[in-house]
Amino acid sequence: MTNRVRPEAVADVPRGWARVRAGGESDEFASTGFNRVHWFTLESAITDDELRETIGVLRSRGVTRAFFWMSTAGCEGSGLTALDRIGAAPVPSVKYVVLARHAGVCAAPRGTTLVVRGVSARELPSVLGAMGERFSPESAQAACKLVESGIAEAFAAFEGDVPVAFAALIPDRGGDGFGHLGWAGTVSGSRGRGGQSALIAARVSRAAELGLRWCVSETNTAIPTSLNNLIRLGFVTTLEWRVFRWDDREGV
């Protein structure tokens, strides 16, 4: 598995891949935790041997906490038992969902005084810098690399000349072609003004311009604002990730 933005942070694990970095152990939430293992394509249950090898990779990187993101098949029956044996527990009370809709001309469901437009790679550092409360320096740097490399397109909502909300579109032209909607954030004083709804609409429309067929996005039910915005703009839930938290009790 390769990552053109953070190659040093990506490792292969059996039937999946991991994003790992020592020092992420303070992360409490799966949605924002840096250390994570992805088993999205498992069609059969994860095994004890695969989990032992994965834990070896995590320990070799100095990681003592990680979140496991899995397909439903990966943690059914014997998979759930294997996860329990290593102390990986389901994240409680929160659903992590993927939503999709067809790309096409899309308008925000209600008006907003904010102006939404695309943001070039050249101006993106200043846009994210002005939204410092929403994007850490590391996160902002990663977003800038994605846009500079052509992996992503950036959009922002402005109050006059001041950026108050940001989001990105990551096109994937393989297969039917889809655009991933992600990296969304709004400064606290401008929430509830329709900025993110307008940014969703702008990216769905842009995906159609790029010849993509689908738009997909991921969110969770902990804070339902993003989920409700996506549903209002025609997105429907297509699947739910099973998420587990693992803390190393033996390697520390």
Protein backbone atom coordinates (compact mmCIF):
# COMPACT_ATOMS: atom_id res chain seq x y z
CA MET A 1 0.00 0.00 0.00
CA THR A 2 1.40 3.43 -0.94
CA ASN A 3 0.43 6.93 0.08
CA ARG A 4 1.81 9.88 -1.88
CA VAL A 5 1.02 12.32 0.93
CA ARG A 6 2.28 10.44 4.00
CA PRO A 7 4.30 7.44 2.73
CA GLU A 8 6.13 7.04 6.03
CA ALA A 9 2.86 6.56 7.92
CA VAL A 10 1.44 3.66 5.90
CA ALA A 11 2.14 -0.04 6.50
CA ASP A 12 0.84 -3.26 5.01
CA VAL A 13 -1.04 -5.70 7.25
CA PRO A 14 -2.66 -9.03 6.30
CA ARG A 15 -5.55 -8.36 3.88
CA GLY A 16 -5.49 -4.64 4.66
CA TRP A 17 -3.38 -1.60 5.44
CA ALA A 18 -2.63 0.62 8.39
CA ARG A 19 -1.97 4.31 8.96
CA VAL A 20 0.23 4.41 12.04
CA ARG A 21 2.38 6.85 13.94
CA ALA A 22 3.78 6.60 17.45
CA GLY A 23 2.33 9.44 19.51
CA GLY A 24 -1.27 9.03 18.38
CA GLU A 25 -2.18 7.06 21.47
CA SER A 26 -4.02 10.02 23.04
CA ASP A 27 -6.63 9.95 20.26
CA GLU A 28 -9.99 9.13 21.82
CA PHE A 29 -12.30 9.08 18.80
CA ALA A 30 -12.23 6.69 15.87
CA SER A 31 -13.26 9.38 13.38
CA THR A 32 -10.23 11.56 14.17
CA GLY A 33 -7.74 8.95 15.42
CA PHE A 34 -4.57 8.85 13.36
CA ASN A 35 -3.67 5.24 14.13
CA ARG A 36 -6.09 3.03 12.25
CA VAL A 37 -6.15 -0.31 10.47
CA HIS A 38 -8.41 -0.69 7.43
CA TRP A 39 -10.03 -4.02 6.55
CA PHE A 40 -12.73 -2.70 4.24
CA THR A 41 -12.75 -5.52 1.70
CA LEU A 42 -12.80 -8.58 3.95
CA GLU A 43 -15.20 -11.21 2.64
CA SER A 44 -14.44 -13.67 5.43
CA ALA A 45 -13.70 -13.35 9.13
CA ILE A 46 -10.37 -12.00 10.33
CA THR A 47 -8.21 -14.74 11.87
CA ASP A 48 -6.07 -15.01 14.99
CA ASP A 49 -2.91 -15.27 12.87
CA GLU A 50 -3.81 -12.16 10.86
CA LEU A 51 -4.49 -10.20 14.03
CA ARG A 52 -1.21 -11.34 15.63
CA GLU A 53 0.73 -10.24 12.56
CA THR A 54 -1.11 -6.91 12.52
CA ILE A 55 -0.33 -6.27 16.18
CA GLY A 56 3.30 -7.02 15.43
CA VAL A 57 3.28 -4.29 12.78
CA LEU A 58 1.70 -1.83 15.21
CA ARG A 59 4.20 -2.60 17.97
CA SER A 60 7.11 -2.31 15.55
CA ARG A 61 5.98 1.27 14.87
CA GLY A 62 5.64 2.06 18.59
CA VAL A 63 1.84 2.16 18.44
CA THR A 64 -0.11 1.17 21.55
CA ARG A 65 -3.62 2.24 20.48
CA ALA A 66 -5.34 1.90 17.13
CA PHE A 67 -8.84 1.77 15.68
CA PHE A 68 -9.77 -1.16 13.46
CA TRP A 69 -12.18 -0.32 10.62
CA MET A 70 -13.81 -3.41 9.14
CA SER A 71 -16.39 -4.75 6.78
CA THR A 72 -19.24 -6.62 8.46
CA ALA A 73 -17.96 -9.97 7.17
CA GLY A 74 -14.59 -9.43 8.80
CA CYS A 75 -15.95 -9.42 12.34
CA GLU A 76 -18.73 -11.97 12.15
CA GLY A 77 -18.62 -15.21 14.14
CA SER A 78 -15.04 -16.34 14.62
CA GLY A 79 -13.77 -12.89 13.63
CA LEU A 80 -15.54 -11.28 16.56
CA THR A 81 -14.12 -13.95 18.87
CA ALA A 82 -10.60 -13.34 17.55
CA LEU A 83 -10.96 -9.59 18.07
CA ASP A 84 -12.16 -10.16 21.61
CA ARG A 85 -9.13 -12.35 22.35
CA ILE A 86 -6.73 -9.49 21.58
CA GLY A 87 -8.80 -7.01 23.58
CA ALA A 88 -10.28 -5.10 20.63
CA ALA A 89 -13.67 -3.76 21.72
CA PRO A 90 -16.46 -2.31 19.52
CA VAL A 91 -16.72 1.47 19.66
CA PRO A 92 -20.03 2.00 21.49
CA SER A 93 -23.03 4.16 20.64
CA VAL A 94 -21.75 5.55 17.33
CA LYS A 95 -22.45 4.36 13.79
CA TYR A 96 -19.86 5.01 11.08
CA VAL A 97 -21.61 5.14 7.73
CA VAL A 98 -20.87 5.56 4.03
CA LEU A 99 -23.39 7.48 1.91
CA ALA A 100 -23.68 7.85 -1.85
CA ARG A 101 -25.67 9.57 -4.58
CA HIS A 102 -25.36 10.14 -8.32
CA ALA A 103 -23.21 13.06 -9.41
CA GLY A 104 -25.17 15.82 -11.11
CA VAL A 105 -26.18 19.45 -11.01
CA CYS A 106 -27.00 20.13 -7.37
CA ALA A 107 -28.26 23.17 -5.49
CA ALA A 108 -28.06 23.73 -1.73
CA PRO A 109 -31.46 23.24 -0.05
CA ARG A 110 -31.56 26.74 1.36
CA GLY A 111 -29.97 30.06 0.57
CA THR A 112 -26.82 31.31 2.24
CA THR A 113 -25.02 34.63 2.20
CA LEU A 114 -21.70 32.80 2.04
CA VAL A 115 -19.97 32.57 -1.33
CA VAL A 116 -18.67 29.13 -2.33
CA ARG A 117 -15.92 28.65 -4.90
CA GLY A 118 -12.96 26.47 -5.76
CA VAL A 119 -9.62 27.24 -4.11
CA SER A 120 -6.32 26.91 -5.98
CA ALA A 121 -3.27 25.18 -4.58
CA ARG A 122 -1.54 28.56 -4.46
CA GLU A 123 -4.09 30.19 -2.17
CA LEU A 124 -4.96 27.13 -0.12
CA PRO A 125 -2.29 27.61 2.62
CA SER A 126 -3.65 31.06 3.46
CA VAL A 127 -7.25 29.79 3.40
CA LEU A 128 -6.50 26.97 5.83
CA GLY A 129 -4.28 29.23 7.91
CA ALA A 130 -7.21 31.60 8.38
CA MET A 131 -9.23 28.62 9.64
CA GLY A 132 -6.59 27.52 12.11
CA GLU A 133 -9.07 26.45 14.78
CA ARG A 134 -10.42 23.76 12.43
CA PHE A 135 -7.20 22.45 10.88
CA SER A 136 -4.00 21.58 12.69
CA PRO A 137 -0.74 22.49 10.91
CA GLU A 138 -0.20 18.82 10.05
CA SER A 139 -3.73 18.39 8.69
CA ALA A 140 -3.45 21.61 6.69
CA GLN A 141 -0.11 20.50 5.24
CA ALA A 142 -1.57 17.15 4.18
CA ALA A 143 -4.53 18.87 2.50
CA CYS A 144 -2.20 21.21 0.64
CA LYS A 145 -0.13 18.27 -0.62
CA LEU A 146 -3.27 16.52 -1.87
CA VAL A 147 -4.30 19.58 -3.88
CA GLU A 148 -0.79 20.38 -5.12
CA SER A 149 -0.37 16.82 -6.40
CA GLY A 150 -3.72 16.88 -8.19
CA ILE A 151 -5.22 14.18 -5.98
CA ALA A 152 -7.88 16.52 -4.59
CA GLU A 153 -9.72 19.74 -5.41
CA ALA A 154 -10.37 22.30 -2.68
CA PHE A 155 -13.47 24.43 -2.07
CA ALA A 156 -14.26 27.08 0.51
CA ALA A 157 -17.15 29.23 1.65
CA PHE A 158 -16.32 32.91 2.21
CA GLU A 159 -17.81 35.74 4.25
CA GLY A 160 -16.54 38.56 2.10
CA ASP A 161 -12.84 37.77 1.74
CA VAL A 162 -12.69 35.64 4.89
CA PRO A 163 -12.86 31.84 4.52
CA VAL A 164 -15.20 30.30 7.09
CA ALA A 165 -15.76 26.76 5.77
CA PHE A 166 -13.68 24.31 3.76
CA ALA A 167 -14.14 20.96 2.02
CA ALA A 168 -12.41 18.82 -0.59
CA LEU A 169 -13.32 16.58 -3.51
CA ILE A 170 -11.10 13.60 -4.32
CA PRO A 171 -11.91 12.25 -7.81
CA ASP A 172 -11.39 8.59 -8.67
CA ARG A 173 -11.85 7.84 -12.35
CA GLY A 174 -11.53 4.07 -12.06
CA GLY A 175 -14.55 1.89 -12.79
CA ASP A 176 -17.76 3.91 -12.91
CA GLY A 177 -15.88 6.92 -11.54
CA PHE A 178 -16.71 8.54 -8.23
CA GLY A 179 -15.83 11.59 -6.19
CA HIS A 180 -15.11 11.32 -2.47
CA LEU A 181 -16.38 14.24 -0.41
CA GLY A 182 -14.22 14.84 2.64
CA TRP A 183 -11.99 17.15 4.70
CA ALA A 184 -14.93 19.32 5.77
CA GLY A 185 -14.70 21.94 8.51
CA THR A 186 -16.40 25.19 9.53
CA VAL A 187 -15.19 27.82 11.99
CA SER A 188 -17.35 27.91 15.09
CA GLY A 189 -18.89 31.35 14.57
CA SER A 190 -20.19 30.49 11.11
CA ARG A 191 -21.91 27.17 11.71
CA GLY A 192 -25.58 26.82 10.88
CA ARG A 193 -25.39 29.27 7.97
CA GLY A 194 -25.58 26.73 5.14
CA GLY A 195 -21.90 26.77 4.26
CA GLN A 196 -21.37 23.02 4.34
CA SER A 197 -24.61 22.32 2.46
CA ALA A 198 -23.44 24.70 -0.26
CA LEU A 199 -20.02 23.01 -0.31
CA ILE A 200 -21.66 19.59 -0.71
CA ALA A 201 -23.75 20.88 -3.60
CA ALA A 202 -20.72 22.47 -5.26
CA ARG A 203 -18.72 19.23 -5.10
CA VAL A 204 -21.58 17.06 -6.38
CA SER A 205 -21.93 19.41 -9.35
CA ARG A 206 -18.17 19.47 -9.91
CA ALA A 207 -18.04 15.66 -9.87
CA ALA A 208 -20.54 15.64 -12.75
CA GLU A 209 -18.40 18.18 -14.66
CA LEU A 210 -15.46 15.82 -14.28
CA GLY A 211 -17.48 12.99 -15.81
CA LEU A 212 -17.80 11.06 -12.57
CA ARG A 213 -20.91 8.99 -11.98
CA TRP A 214 -21.11 8.78 -8.20
CA CYS A 215 -20.37 10.85 -5.12
CA VAL A 216 -19.58 9.20 -1.79
CA SER A 217 -18.96 10.51 1.69
CA GLU A 218 -18.35 9.12 5.17
CA THR A 219 -19.60 10.43 8.50
CA ASN A 220 -20.93 9.21 11.83
CA THR A 221 -23.91 9.64 14.11
CA ALA A 222 -22.07 11.18 17.08
CA ILE A 223 -22.84 14.69 15.83
CA PRO A 224 -25.58 14.33 13.19
CA THR A 225 -25.12 17.68 11.43
CA SER A 226 -22.99 16.31 8.59
CA LEU A 227 -25.22 13.26 8.21
CA ASN A 228 -28.36 15.42 7.98
CA ASN A 229 -26.73 17.77 5.45
CA LEU A 230 -25.84 14.84 3.19
CA ILE A 231 -29.31 13.29 3.44
CA ARG A 232 -30.97 16.60 2.56
CA LEU A 233 -28.88 16.71 -0.59
CA GLY A 234 -29.91 13.26 -1.78
CA PHE A 235 -27.30 10.98 -0.22
CA VAL A 236 -28.42 7.62 1.12
CA THR A 237 -26.60 5.25 3.46
CA THR A 238 -24.99 2.37 1.56
CA LEU A 239 -23.09 0.58 4.31
CA GLU A 240 -21.86 0.82 7.88
CA TRP A 241 -18.29 0.18 8.98
CA ARG A 242 -17.70 -1.91 12.10
CA VAL A 243 -15.14 -0.09 14.24
CA PHE A 244 -13.10 -1.50 17.14
CA ARG A 245 -10.62 0.11 19.50
CA TRP A 246 -7.47 -1.82 20.41
CA ASP A 247 -5.19 -0.85 23.32
CA ASP A 248 -1.98 -2.77 23.83
CA ARG A 249 -2.12 -4.36 27.28
CA GLU A 250 0.84 -6.68 26.83
CA GLY A 251 3.41 -4.76 24.83
CA VAL A 252 3.63 -1.79 27.22
